[in-house]
Each structure stands twice: as structure tokens, then as C-alpha cells.
N, C-alpha and C. Protein backbone atom coordinates (compact mmCIF):
# COMPACT_ATOMS: atom_id res chain seq x y z
N GLY A 1 106.60 -16.96 84.80
CA GLY A 1 106.68 -15.63 83.97
C GLY A 1 106.57 -16.77 81.96
N GLY A 2 106.20 -16.23 81.79
CA GLY A 2 106.10 -16.63 79.79
C GLY A 2 105.20 -15.52 79.80
N PRO A 3 105.08 -15.84 77.74
CA PRO A 3 104.10 -14.21 77.22
C PRO A 3 102.94 -14.07 78.06
N THR A 4 102.69 -12.48 76.89
CA THR A 4 101.31 -12.16 77.92
C THR A 4 100.54 -12.77 77.92
N ALA A 5 99.53 -13.63 77.90
CA ALA A 5 97.77 -13.58 77.56
C ALA A 5 98.32 -15.21 77.13
N SER A 6 99.69 -16.13 78.22
CA SER A 6 99.39 -17.55 77.77
C SER A 6 98.60 -18.62 77.93
N GLY A 7 98.31 -18.18 79.06
CA GLY A 7 97.21 -18.88 80.27
C GLY A 7 98.59 -19.19 81.31
N LYS A 8 99.04 -18.21 81.81
CA LYS A 8 100.04 -18.44 83.57
C LYS A 8 98.92 -18.54 84.48
N SER A 9 97.95 -17.56 84.67
CA SER A 9 96.82 -17.10 85.31
C SER A 9 96.53 -18.24 85.13
N ARG A 10 95.97 -18.66 83.92
CA ARG A 10 94.64 -19.72 84.83
C ARG A 10 95.63 -20.81 85.48
N LEU A 11 96.39 -21.35 84.47
CA LEU A 11 97.15 -22.91 85.16
C LEU A 11 97.47 -22.69 86.05
N ALA A 12 97.59 -21.33 87.30
CA ALA A 12 97.83 -21.02 88.27
C ALA A 12 96.91 -21.00 89.23
N ARG A 13 95.78 -20.61 88.66
CA ARG A 13 94.43 -20.46 89.70
C ARG A 13 94.15 -22.59 89.50
N ARG A 14 94.59 -22.92 88.72
CA ARG A 14 93.88 -24.82 88.29
C ARG A 14 94.77 -25.26 89.35
N LEU A 15 96.03 -24.94 89.62
CA LEU A 15 96.86 -25.89 90.49
C LEU A 15 96.90 -25.10 91.34
N ALA A 16 96.31 -24.41 91.82
CA ALA A 16 95.66 -23.56 93.33
C ALA A 16 94.77 -24.33 94.56
N SER A 17 93.74 -24.33 93.21
CA SER A 17 92.54 -25.22 93.00
C SER A 17 92.99 -26.65 93.73
N GLU A 18 94.01 -27.31 92.97
CA GLU A 18 94.48 -28.79 93.52
C GLU A 18 95.04 -29.70 94.28
N VAL A 19 95.97 -27.94 95.23
CA VAL A 19 96.58 -28.72 95.69
C VAL A 19 96.96 -27.45 97.12
N GLY A 20 95.54 -27.12 96.83
CA GLY A 20 94.88 -25.96 98.07
C GLY A 20 96.53 -24.84 98.81
N GLY A 21 96.72 -24.43 97.07
CA GLY A 21 97.30 -22.55 96.94
C GLY A 21 97.16 -21.38 97.30
N VAL A 22 98.15 -21.03 97.42
CA VAL A 22 97.71 -19.67 97.21
C VAL A 22 98.71 -18.89 95.62
N VAL A 23 97.72 -18.06 94.71
CA VAL A 23 98.38 -17.34 93.83
C VAL A 23 99.10 -16.30 94.33
N VAL A 24 100.44 -16.02 93.98
CA VAL A 24 101.70 -14.60 94.22
C VAL A 24 101.72 -14.59 92.70
N ASN A 25 101.31 -13.11 92.57
CA ASN A 25 101.56 -11.71 91.68
C ASN A 25 103.19 -11.80 92.33
N ALA A 26 103.41 -12.38 90.34
CA ALA A 26 104.47 -11.84 89.62
C ALA A 26 105.01 -10.73 88.44
N ASP A 27 104.15 -9.74 89.02
CA ASP A 27 103.86 -9.61 87.79
C ASP A 27 103.72 -7.96 87.95
N SER A 28 104.67 -7.05 87.64
CA SER A 28 104.99 -5.43 88.31
C SER A 28 103.87 -4.83 88.17
N LEU A 29 103.65 -4.72 86.87
CA LEU A 29 102.60 -3.94 86.70
C LEU A 29 100.56 -3.98 87.59
N GLN A 30 100.62 -5.78 87.74
CA GLN A 30 99.34 -6.16 88.46
C GLN A 30 99.53 -5.75 89.83
N LEU A 31 100.35 -5.39 90.53
CA LEU A 31 101.40 -4.64 91.91
C LEU A 31 99.70 -3.58 92.10
N PHE A 32 99.83 -2.70 90.97
CA PHE A 32 98.52 -1.61 91.36
C PHE A 32 97.59 -1.18 91.34
N ARG A 33 97.56 -0.80 91.71
CA ARG A 33 95.36 -1.16 91.81
C ARG A 33 95.15 0.00 90.62
N GLN A 34 95.29 0.75 89.84
CA GLN A 34 95.08 1.24 89.37
C GLN A 34 94.82 0.98 87.86
N LEU A 35 96.26 -0.18 87.84
CA LEU A 35 96.07 -0.94 86.51
C LEU A 35 95.34 -2.16 85.84
N ALA A 36 93.97 -2.50 86.73
CA ALA A 36 93.19 -3.77 86.51
C ALA A 36 93.00 -4.20 85.58
N ILE A 37 92.26 -2.76 84.73
CA ILE A 37 91.95 -2.89 83.35
C ILE A 37 93.47 -3.34 82.12
N LEU A 38 93.98 -2.39 83.06
CA LEU A 38 95.66 -2.24 81.38
C LEU A 38 96.45 -4.10 81.94
N THR A 39 95.87 -4.47 82.30
CA THR A 39 96.74 -5.75 83.28
C THR A 39 96.46 -6.99 83.08
N ALA A 40 94.66 -6.47 82.85
CA ALA A 40 93.86 -8.15 82.54
C ALA A 40 94.16 -8.28 84.29
N ARG A 41 94.54 -8.63 84.89
CA ARG A 41 94.27 -8.46 86.60
C ARG A 41 93.17 -10.10 86.36
N PRO A 42 93.08 -10.69 87.50
CA PRO A 42 92.31 -12.48 87.82
C PRO A 42 91.00 -10.80 88.53
N THR A 43 90.15 -11.26 87.96
CA THR A 43 88.61 -11.45 87.46
C THR A 43 88.38 -11.51 89.35
N ASP A 44 87.03 -10.91 90.11
CA ASP A 44 86.59 -11.14 90.86
C ASP A 44 85.78 -12.75 91.18
N THR A 45 85.48 -13.31 90.05
CA THR A 45 85.34 -13.97 90.12
C THR A 45 86.14 -15.64 90.47
N GLU A 46 87.32 -15.11 89.38
CA GLU A 46 88.24 -16.29 89.56
C GLU A 46 88.72 -15.92 90.36
N THR A 47 89.15 -14.95 91.10
CA THR A 47 89.97 -14.55 92.53
C THR A 47 89.01 -15.17 94.13
N ALA A 48 87.40 -15.45 93.30
CA ALA A 48 87.05 -15.79 94.81
C ALA A 48 87.27 -17.72 94.68
N SER A 49 87.49 -18.43 93.61
CA SER A 49 87.81 -18.94 93.97
C SER A 49 88.98 -20.04 94.62
N VAL A 50 89.94 -19.24 94.42
CA VAL A 50 91.63 -19.67 94.88
C VAL A 50 91.91 -18.33 95.93
N GLU A 51 93.16 -18.75 96.73
CA GLU A 51 93.45 -17.03 97.81
C GLU A 51 94.30 -16.11 96.65
N HIS A 52 94.73 -15.33 96.45
CA HIS A 52 96.06 -14.56 95.53
C HIS A 52 95.86 -13.65 96.01
N ARG A 53 96.69 -13.31 96.32
CA ARG A 53 97.87 -12.17 96.67
C ARG A 53 98.94 -11.52 95.76
N LEU A 54 98.88 -9.91 96.10
CA LEU A 54 99.79 -8.79 95.65
C LEU A 54 98.99 -8.50 94.22
N TYR A 55 97.99 -8.78 94.05
CA TYR A 55 96.90 -7.97 93.35
C TYR A 55 96.70 -6.61 93.68
N GLY A 56 96.85 -5.15 92.76
CA GLY A 56 96.49 -4.16 93.65
C GLY A 56 97.03 -3.72 94.62
N VAL A 57 98.04 -3.90 95.63
CA VAL A 57 97.99 -3.61 96.30
C VAL A 57 98.71 -2.46 96.27
N LEU A 58 99.62 -1.98 95.34
CA LEU A 58 99.48 -0.51 95.27
C LEU A 58 99.51 0.37 94.75
N ASP A 59 99.72 1.81 95.47
CA ASP A 59 98.74 3.10 94.19
C ASP A 59 99.82 3.14 93.88
N VAL A 60 99.17 3.69 91.97
CA VAL A 60 100.54 4.10 90.66
C VAL A 60 101.99 5.22 91.90
N ALA A 61 101.18 5.46 92.58
CA ALA A 61 102.35 7.01 92.92
C ALA A 61 103.44 6.28 94.94
N ASP A 62 103.14 5.17 94.62
CA ASP A 62 103.74 4.51 95.45
C ASP A 62 105.18 3.77 94.76
N ALA A 63 106.54 3.75 95.45
CA ALA A 63 107.54 3.06 95.31
C ALA A 63 107.39 1.95 94.77
N GLY A 64 107.68 1.41 93.27
CA GLY A 64 107.54 0.07 93.26
C GLY A 64 108.61 -0.80 93.12
N GLY A 65 109.21 -1.36 92.08
CA GLY A 65 110.13 -1.90 91.59
C GLY A 65 110.61 -3.09 92.75
N ALA A 66 110.93 -4.11 91.28
CA ALA A 66 111.73 -5.56 91.99
C ALA A 66 112.36 -5.27 93.88
N TRP A 67 112.64 -4.31 94.27
CA TRP A 67 113.21 -4.18 96.03
C TRP A 67 111.83 -4.81 97.16
N ARG A 68 110.65 -4.30 96.69
CA ARG A 68 109.66 -4.23 96.42
C ARG A 68 108.83 -5.12 97.11
N TRP A 69 109.05 -5.76 95.69
CA TRP A 69 107.76 -7.27 95.29
C TRP A 69 108.41 -7.66 95.96
N LEU A 70 109.90 -7.60 95.82
CA LEU A 70 110.52 -9.13 96.43
C LEU A 70 110.17 -9.35 98.52
N GLU A 71 110.31 -8.37 98.85
CA GLU A 71 110.15 -8.67 99.83
C GLU A 71 108.52 -8.74 100.06
N LEU A 72 107.60 -7.78 99.46
CA LEU A 72 106.45 -8.55 99.92
C LEU A 72 105.68 -10.22 99.62
N ALA A 73 107.00 -10.25 97.81
CA ALA A 73 106.33 -11.43 97.76
C ALA A 73 107.40 -12.14 98.20
N ARG A 74 108.49 -12.21 99.23
CA ARG A 74 109.04 -13.44 100.66
C ARG A 74 107.93 -13.03 101.90
N ALA A 75 107.14 -12.45 102.55
CA ALA A 75 105.97 -11.89 103.32
C ALA A 75 104.78 -13.16 103.14
N GLU A 76 104.68 -13.16 101.34
CA GLU A 76 103.42 -13.56 101.13
C GLU A 76 103.83 -14.68 100.94
N THR A 77 104.79 -15.51 100.11
CA THR A 77 105.05 -17.06 100.98
C THR A 77 105.86 -17.58 101.95
N ARG A 78 105.72 -16.79 103.10
CA ARG A 78 106.09 -17.25 104.38
C ARG A 78 104.60 -17.81 104.89
N ARG A 79 103.85 -16.26 105.08
CA ARG A 79 102.47 -16.62 104.92
C ARG A 79 101.89 -17.94 104.54
N ALA A 80 102.23 -18.44 103.61
CA ALA A 80 101.24 -19.62 102.84
C ALA A 80 101.81 -20.89 103.48
N TRP A 81 103.78 -20.02 102.96
CA TRP A 81 104.03 -22.23 104.05
C TRP A 81 103.32 -22.23 105.46
N ALA A 82 103.52 -21.07 106.06
CA ALA A 82 102.73 -21.46 107.45
C ALA A 82 101.85 -21.84 107.90
N ALA A 83 100.92 -21.59 106.75
CA ALA A 83 99.02 -21.88 106.24
C ALA A 83 99.44 -23.57 106.45
N GLY A 84 100.32 -23.94 105.80
CA GLY A 84 100.47 -25.86 105.23
C GLY A 84 100.39 -25.11 103.60
N ARG A 85 100.34 -24.13 103.38
CA ARG A 85 99.73 -23.88 101.80
C ARG A 85 101.05 -23.50 100.81
N LEU A 86 100.69 -24.35 99.48
CA LEU A 86 101.80 -23.63 98.63
C LEU A 86 101.69 -22.25 97.93
N PRO A 87 102.61 -21.39 97.78
CA PRO A 87 102.44 -19.81 97.57
C PRO A 87 102.93 -21.06 95.49
N ILE A 88 102.33 -20.03 94.68
CA ILE A 88 102.16 -20.15 93.82
C ILE A 88 102.42 -18.96 93.12
N LEU A 89 103.51 -18.80 92.55
CA LEU A 89 104.38 -17.58 92.06
C LEU A 89 103.92 -17.12 90.27
N VAL A 90 102.83 -16.19 89.78
CA VAL A 90 102.97 -16.20 88.54
C VAL A 90 102.50 -14.86 87.90
N GLY A 91 103.61 -14.69 87.30
CA GLY A 91 103.73 -13.71 86.10
C GLY A 91 104.15 -13.58 85.14
N GLY A 92 104.47 -11.60 84.42
CA GLY A 92 105.64 -12.12 83.29
C GLY A 92 106.79 -11.17 83.57
N THR A 93 106.98 -10.77 85.01
CA THR A 93 107.86 -10.28 85.05
C THR A 93 109.21 -10.98 85.49
N GLY A 94 109.89 -11.47 84.43
CA GLY A 94 110.93 -12.11 84.61
C GLY A 94 112.33 -11.97 86.01
N LEU A 95 112.46 -10.49 85.92
CA LEU A 95 113.45 -10.36 86.68
C LEU A 95 112.89 -10.53 88.24
N TYR A 96 111.46 -10.36 88.50
CA TYR A 96 110.51 -10.26 89.80
C TYR A 96 110.73 -12.02 90.73
N LEU A 97 111.08 -12.69 88.83
CA LEU A 97 110.74 -14.10 89.45
C LEU A 97 112.00 -14.91 89.53
N ALA A 98 113.70 -14.20 88.32
CA ALA A 98 114.23 -14.22 89.26
C ALA A 98 115.05 -13.85 90.24
N ALA A 99 114.99 -12.33 90.79
CA ALA A 99 115.10 -12.36 91.74
C ALA A 99 114.63 -12.87 93.08
N PHE A 100 113.50 -14.03 92.82
CA PHE A 100 113.00 -14.60 94.17
C PHE A 100 113.82 -15.69 94.29
N GLY A 101 114.06 -16.25 93.22
CA GLY A 101 114.75 -17.52 93.43
C GLY A 101 116.17 -16.58 93.45
N ASN A 102 117.14 -15.85 93.26
CA ASN A 102 118.79 -15.83 93.25
C ASN A 102 118.93 -14.35 94.54
N GLY A 103 117.30 -13.67 94.61
CA GLY A 103 118.08 -12.61 95.41
C GLY A 103 118.18 -11.40 94.28
N LEU A 104 118.26 -10.19 94.65
CA LEU A 104 118.63 -9.39 94.10
C LEU A 104 120.13 -8.46 94.40
N ALA A 105 121.34 -8.33 93.51
CA ALA A 105 122.65 -7.70 94.73
C ALA A 105 121.75 -5.94 94.85
N PRO A 106 122.92 -5.94 95.75
CA PRO A 106 121.69 -4.66 96.41
C PRO A 106 122.80 -3.83 95.47
N VAL A 107 121.83 -1.94 96.19
CA VAL A 107 121.83 -1.28 95.14
C VAL A 107 121.83 0.62 96.41
N PRO A 108 122.72 0.91 96.42
CA PRO A 108 122.97 1.82 97.33
C PRO A 108 121.95 2.87 96.90
N GLU A 109 121.57 3.05 98.19
CA GLU A 109 120.94 4.56 98.79
C GLU A 109 121.07 5.80 97.31
N VAL A 110 120.18 6.55 96.52
CA VAL A 110 120.37 7.57 96.08
C VAL A 110 119.77 9.02 97.03
N SER A 111 120.18 9.96 97.46
CA SER A 111 119.25 10.72 97.60
C SER A 111 117.76 10.90 96.42
N PRO A 112 116.88 11.29 96.82
CA PRO A 112 115.44 12.20 96.43
C PRO A 112 116.55 13.03 94.90
N GLU A 113 117.56 13.77 95.10
CA GLU A 113 118.19 15.67 95.00
C GLU A 113 119.23 14.66 93.29
N VAL A 114 120.13 14.15 93.96
CA VAL A 114 120.88 13.06 93.09
C VAL A 114 119.68 12.27 92.19
N ARG A 115 119.00 11.82 92.59
CA ARG A 115 118.17 10.72 91.46
C ARG A 115 117.57 12.01 90.95
N ALA A 116 116.59 13.11 91.17
CA ALA A 116 115.59 14.23 89.98
C ALA A 116 117.27 14.70 89.25
N ALA A 117 118.42 15.25 89.82
CA ALA A 117 119.32 15.50 89.05
C ALA A 117 120.09 14.89 88.05
N GLY A 118 119.44 12.83 88.09
CA GLY A 118 120.26 13.08 87.31
C GLY A 118 118.92 12.36 85.76
N ARG A 119 118.01 12.33 86.17
CA ARG A 119 116.72 12.10 85.76
C ARG A 119 116.27 13.41 85.28
N ARG A 120 117.24 14.43 84.93
CA ARG A 120 116.73 15.84 84.57
C ARG A 120 117.49 16.19 83.24
N ARG A 121 118.45 15.55 83.80
CA ARG A 121 119.85 15.39 82.56
C ARG A 121 119.54 14.34 81.29
N LEU A 122 118.99 13.16 81.67
CA LEU A 122 118.48 12.24 80.84
C LEU A 122 117.37 12.98 79.81
N ALA A 123 116.63 14.08 80.82
CA ALA A 123 116.04 14.81 79.60
C ALA A 123 116.41 15.39 78.43
N LEU A 124 117.24 16.20 79.19
CA LEU A 124 118.24 17.29 78.86
C LEU A 124 118.93 16.64 77.81
N ILE A 125 119.99 15.75 78.22
CA ILE A 125 121.00 15.33 76.81
C ILE A 125 120.59 14.20 76.10
N GLY A 126 119.86 13.52 77.38
CA GLY A 126 119.51 12.11 75.94
C GLY A 126 119.91 11.03 76.30
N ALA A 127 119.68 9.47 76.74
CA ALA A 127 120.04 8.55 76.79
C ALA A 127 121.37 8.56 76.88
N GLY A 128 121.79 8.60 74.67
CA GLY A 128 123.21 8.40 74.60
C GLY A 128 123.97 9.07 74.85
N ALA A 129 124.45 10.33 74.96
CA ALA A 129 124.72 11.01 75.48
C ALA A 129 125.82 10.55 77.29
N LEU A 130 124.47 10.23 78.24
CA LEU A 130 124.53 9.70 79.14
C LEU A 130 125.14 8.59 78.98
N HIS A 131 124.75 7.61 78.26
CA HIS A 131 126.28 6.79 78.19
C HIS A 131 126.64 7.01 77.58
N ALA A 132 127.67 7.24 76.98
CA ALA A 132 128.96 7.93 76.79
C ALA A 132 129.95 8.17 77.82
N GLU A 133 128.84 9.01 78.93
CA GLU A 133 129.39 9.56 80.10
C GLU A 133 129.74 8.06 81.12
N LEU A 134 128.72 7.23 80.78
CA LEU A 134 128.38 6.20 81.62
C LEU A 134 129.84 5.63 81.60
N ALA A 135 130.09 5.32 80.40
CA ALA A 135 131.85 4.66 80.29
C ALA A 135 132.42 4.88 80.23
N ARG A 136 132.72 6.36 80.21
CA ARG A 136 134.05 7.32 80.70
C ARG A 136 134.25 6.43 82.34
N ARG A 137 132.68 6.55 83.29
CA ARG A 137 133.10 6.72 84.35
C ARG A 137 133.04 5.19 84.86
N ASP A 138 132.38 4.08 84.39
CA ASP A 138 132.56 3.02 84.64
C ASP A 138 132.46 1.86 83.11
N PRO A 139 133.62 1.29 82.33
CA PRO A 139 133.44 0.48 81.29
C PRO A 139 133.12 -0.18 81.51
N ALA A 140 132.84 -0.69 82.57
CA ALA A 140 132.07 -2.95 82.98
C ALA A 140 130.65 -2.73 82.62
N GLY A 141 130.71 -1.07 83.67
CA GLY A 141 128.57 -0.91 83.74
C GLY A 141 128.13 -0.92 82.62
N ALA A 142 128.62 0.47 81.57
CA ALA A 142 128.28 0.95 80.06
C ALA A 142 128.00 0.12 79.64
N ALA A 143 129.32 -1.50 79.32
CA ALA A 143 129.06 -2.06 78.36
C ALA A 143 127.02 -3.35 78.25
N ARG A 144 127.14 -3.27 79.93
CA ARG A 144 126.11 -4.45 80.33
C ARG A 144 124.83 -3.47 79.73
N LEU A 145 125.52 -2.57 79.07
CA LEU A 145 123.75 -1.72 78.77
C LEU A 145 123.72 -0.96 77.91
N ALA A 146 122.26 -1.13 76.81
CA ALA A 146 122.12 -0.97 75.79
C ALA A 146 122.33 0.99 76.00
N PRO A 147 122.67 1.34 74.64
CA PRO A 147 123.26 2.98 74.69
C PRO A 147 121.80 3.45 74.59
N ALA A 148 120.49 2.94 74.49
CA ALA A 148 119.70 3.38 74.40
C ALA A 148 118.54 3.04 75.84
N ASP A 149 119.17 2.63 76.60
CA ASP A 149 118.80 2.60 78.06
C ASP A 149 118.79 3.73 79.23
N GLY A 150 118.21 4.74 78.42
CA GLY A 150 117.98 5.65 79.17
C GLY A 150 118.20 5.52 80.78
N GLN A 151 117.33 4.82 81.57
CA GLN A 151 117.09 4.94 82.79
C GLN A 151 117.51 4.33 83.91
N ARG A 152 117.99 2.51 83.20
CA ARG A 152 119.37 2.36 83.69
C ARG A 152 120.90 2.63 83.67
N ILE A 153 120.88 3.48 82.37
CA ILE A 153 122.58 4.23 82.38
C ILE A 153 121.89 5.45 83.62
N ALA A 154 120.95 6.30 83.47
CA ALA A 154 120.76 7.40 84.42
C ALA A 154 120.98 6.69 85.81
N ARG A 155 120.37 5.31 86.27
CA ARG A 155 120.28 4.72 87.52
C ARG A 155 121.95 4.95 87.82
N ALA A 156 122.45 4.34 87.14
CA ALA A 156 124.43 3.98 87.31
C ALA A 156 125.03 5.22 88.04
N LEU A 157 124.65 6.40 86.83
CA LEU A 157 125.30 7.46 87.08
C LEU A 157 125.76 8.24 88.49
N GLU A 158 123.63 7.76 88.40
CA GLU A 158 123.08 8.69 90.16
C GLU A 158 123.89 7.24 90.97
N VAL A 159 124.36 6.58 91.30
CA VAL A 159 125.13 5.54 92.25
C VAL A 159 126.54 6.03 92.03
N ILE A 160 126.51 6.45 90.56
CA ILE A 160 128.07 6.71 90.88
C ILE A 160 128.71 8.20 91.36
N GLU A 161 127.23 8.88 91.04
CA GLU A 161 127.07 10.27 92.37
C GLU A 161 127.25 9.94 93.04
N ALA A 162 126.48 9.07 93.88
CA ALA A 162 125.93 9.50 94.99
C ALA A 162 126.83 8.47 96.25
N THR A 163 127.42 7.46 95.69
CA THR A 163 128.15 6.56 96.95
C THR A 163 130.12 7.01 95.83
N ASN A 164 130.34 7.65 94.56
CA ASN A 164 131.61 8.14 94.06
C ASN A 164 132.36 6.69 93.35
N ARG A 165 131.82 5.25 93.26
CA ARG A 165 132.04 4.35 93.38
C ARG A 165 131.10 2.88 91.55
N PRO A 166 130.87 2.59 91.08
CA PRO A 166 130.26 2.31 90.17
C PRO A 166 129.18 1.19 90.91
């Protein structure tokens, strides 16, 4: 991980070239085919020099997220190791890199109906009002989230709705 345009990909390519490695993308946006220009995805010339994995493998309509990436990255690293090659994870999504090393806490499934209702409430009443509700229903969870972080607040309330527990 590291700041945008700090040379992470260049360094990963050089290292992969020197040790016979495989570059595995750990940038959330670079997973998606349609975001190649927006994310400065490695060019065809750059990817021709060493093997690159998990670049442009999902459609923007596909479900992404840390769990999906973690499944894909684990499969790619197992494939690299099985071929006797060093997997080199590179990207700017710190959550992805932390998840690879430490795993992710399981989050219960939430039905599409509960999720849609949560997103409608977020749009209707806003993050601040949802944060106040979360503080009543799950004070510890609310304390971990910024009052303006509408997506995570809505997700926390969706889990409570779906499971009757934080």
C-alpha cells in the first residue's frame, strides 16, 4: 500500500521481474474493467513484462468489496505458489492488504430488501440521523463510525435489522 502515484506498481513489476513473481492487484478500483483509465491501470506493455492478476476482472455491476477481493486474491496467491512463483500484492486499498494478512470479521448476510430499505432511509433522512439511531441501538458500533459515514452506518443498521443483533 501507499499513496496514489507513489510508484507501487513500478516497484512491484521490477521485483516480480527479478524474482519470477506474479503481481496481484490489491486496489479496489482496479478490479473493474471499466475503470482502467480512471485508476491508471498498468498498460499492455507493462503487463507484458511480468504476469499481472486481478486487474479488470470484474464488471462495475458485479458485487465487489473486500470479501470478494480476498477470495480472488487467496486463489491467485495459491496459484502463484503452486507454480513456484512469488505473489506480490500491490495496491492502495489498505483494507484489502490488512484483510489479506489478518482476515475479515464475518458479516451476516442481509437480504436485498433490507439493504434497499437501509439505503432509502440513508437517502431520506441522512447519515447524521441514522448515526443517532445506531447510537441508541448499538452504542459501541456507533462510537467506531464517523457520523458522516453514511454507507457504514446504514450497513450496521441493516445487520441489526437482519439479525436482531449488532
